[in-house]
Amino acid sequence: MQVACPEKWRDNKTEKQGESSGRKVGENKLLTAAKRYQPYGQKKCKTCKQNLHQDALFCQGCAYVKGICSMCGKQLLDVSKYKQTNV
């Protein structure tokens, strides 16, 4: 008797029936994946070298002070007449 939708993993005669395919039961795939997401490790700001949490060129602080887009670096605002001080 043949099944309409056979399970392909059972057709492999080299493995024993009931044996797992190498996956651990209850493992967290986010932690054991080969390419793991690292939120603060991939990019740094071009100006201040601060770690970025997104795929950008500049951090939000440096982008705001320069008047540019943090993602692409395009000039958005002319800040030459602005008084931007820390005090």
Protein backbone atom coordinates (compact mmCIF):
# COMPACT_ATOMS: atom_id res chain seq x y z
CA MET A 1 0.00 0.00 0.00
CA GLN A 2 1.33 3.46 -0.91
CA VAL A 3 0.57 6.72 0.84
CA ALA A 4 -0.50 9.76 -1.21
CA CYS A 5 2.04 12.05 0.51
CA PRO A 6 4.97 9.96 1.71
CA GLU A 7 7.34 11.42 4.26
CA LYS A 8 10.71 11.75 2.56
CA TRP A 9 12.77 11.55 5.73
CA ARG A 10 11.50 8.01 6.28
CA ASP A 11 12.70 6.87 2.84
CA ASN A 12 16.35 7.13 3.88
CA LYS A 13 17.34 3.50 4.53
CA THR A 14 20.77 4.31 6.01
CA GLU A 15 19.31 5.78 9.20
CA LYS A 16 17.47 3.79 11.81
CA GLN A 17 13.77 4.37 12.24
CA GLY A 18 12.99 6.88 15.00
CA GLU A 19 16.46 8.39 15.05
CA SER A 20 16.56 12.18 14.96
CA SER A 21 18.09 14.16 12.12
CA GLY A 22 20.59 15.96 14.36
CA ARG A 23 18.25 18.57 15.80
CA LYS A 24 18.24 18.78 19.58
CA VAL A 25 14.89 18.70 21.31
CA GLY A 26 14.05 22.03 22.94
CA GLU A 27 17.03 23.97 21.56
CA ASN A 28 16.78 27.70 20.98
CA LYS A 29 17.47 28.30 17.27
CA LEU A 30 18.17 31.99 17.87
CA LEU A 31 21.11 31.10 20.07
CA THR A 32 22.49 28.14 18.12
CA ALA A 33 22.12 29.49 14.57
CA ALA A 34 25.29 29.94 12.51
CA LYS A 35 24.54 33.57 11.63
CA ARG A 36 23.33 35.00 14.90
CA TYR A 37 21.80 38.46 15.20
CA GLN A 38 24.03 40.71 17.28
CA PRO A 39 22.22 43.97 18.01
CA TYR A 40 25.20 46.08 19.11
CA GLY A 41 28.11 44.49 17.31
CA GLN A 42 27.85 44.94 13.58
CA LYS A 43 28.29 48.65 12.72
CA LYS A 44 29.89 51.77 14.23
CA CYS A 45 29.18 55.46 13.67
CA LYS A 46 31.58 57.11 11.21
CA THR A 47 31.97 60.19 13.42
CA CYS A 48 32.04 59.06 17.05
CA LYS A 49 32.64 55.29 16.63
CA GLN A 50 29.64 54.46 18.83
CA ASN A 51 27.97 51.06 18.28
CA LEU A 52 24.80 51.28 16.18
CA HIS A 53 21.63 49.25 16.73
CA GLN A 54 20.58 49.48 13.08
CA ASP A 55 22.20 49.18 9.68
CA ALA A 56 23.20 52.86 9.40
CA LEU A 57 26.23 55.06 8.82
CA PHE A 58 25.81 57.58 11.65
CA CYS A 59 24.26 57.49 15.12
CA GLN A 60 21.16 59.62 15.68
CA GLY A 61 23.07 62.25 17.68
CA CYS A 62 25.73 62.84 15.03
CA ALA A 63 23.14 62.81 12.25
CA TYR A 64 21.03 65.41 14.05
CA VAL A 65 23.99 67.73 14.67
CA LYS A 66 25.11 67.51 11.03
CA GLY A 67 21.58 67.64 9.58
CA ILE A 68 21.97 64.42 7.61
CA CYS A 69 20.11 61.14 7.29
CA SER A 70 21.57 58.53 9.65
CA MET A 71 20.89 55.68 7.21
CA CYS A 72 22.27 57.05 3.93
CA GLY A 73 24.21 60.20 4.94
CA LYS A 74 22.28 62.49 2.58
CA GLN A 75 22.10 66.17 3.59
CA LEU A 76 18.57 66.91 4.80
CA LEU A 77 18.89 70.26 6.55
CA ASP A 78 21.25 73.22 6.39
CA VAL A 79 22.45 73.61 9.97
CA SER A 80 25.12 76.27 9.30
CA LYS A 81 23.00 79.04 10.95
CA TYR A 82 21.89 76.86 13.90
CA LYS A 83 23.32 77.36 17.35
CA GLN A 84 23.89 73.81 18.62
CA THR A 85 25.80 73.79 21.89
CA ASN A 86 26.00 71.45 24.85
CA VAL A 87 25.46 74.23 27.42
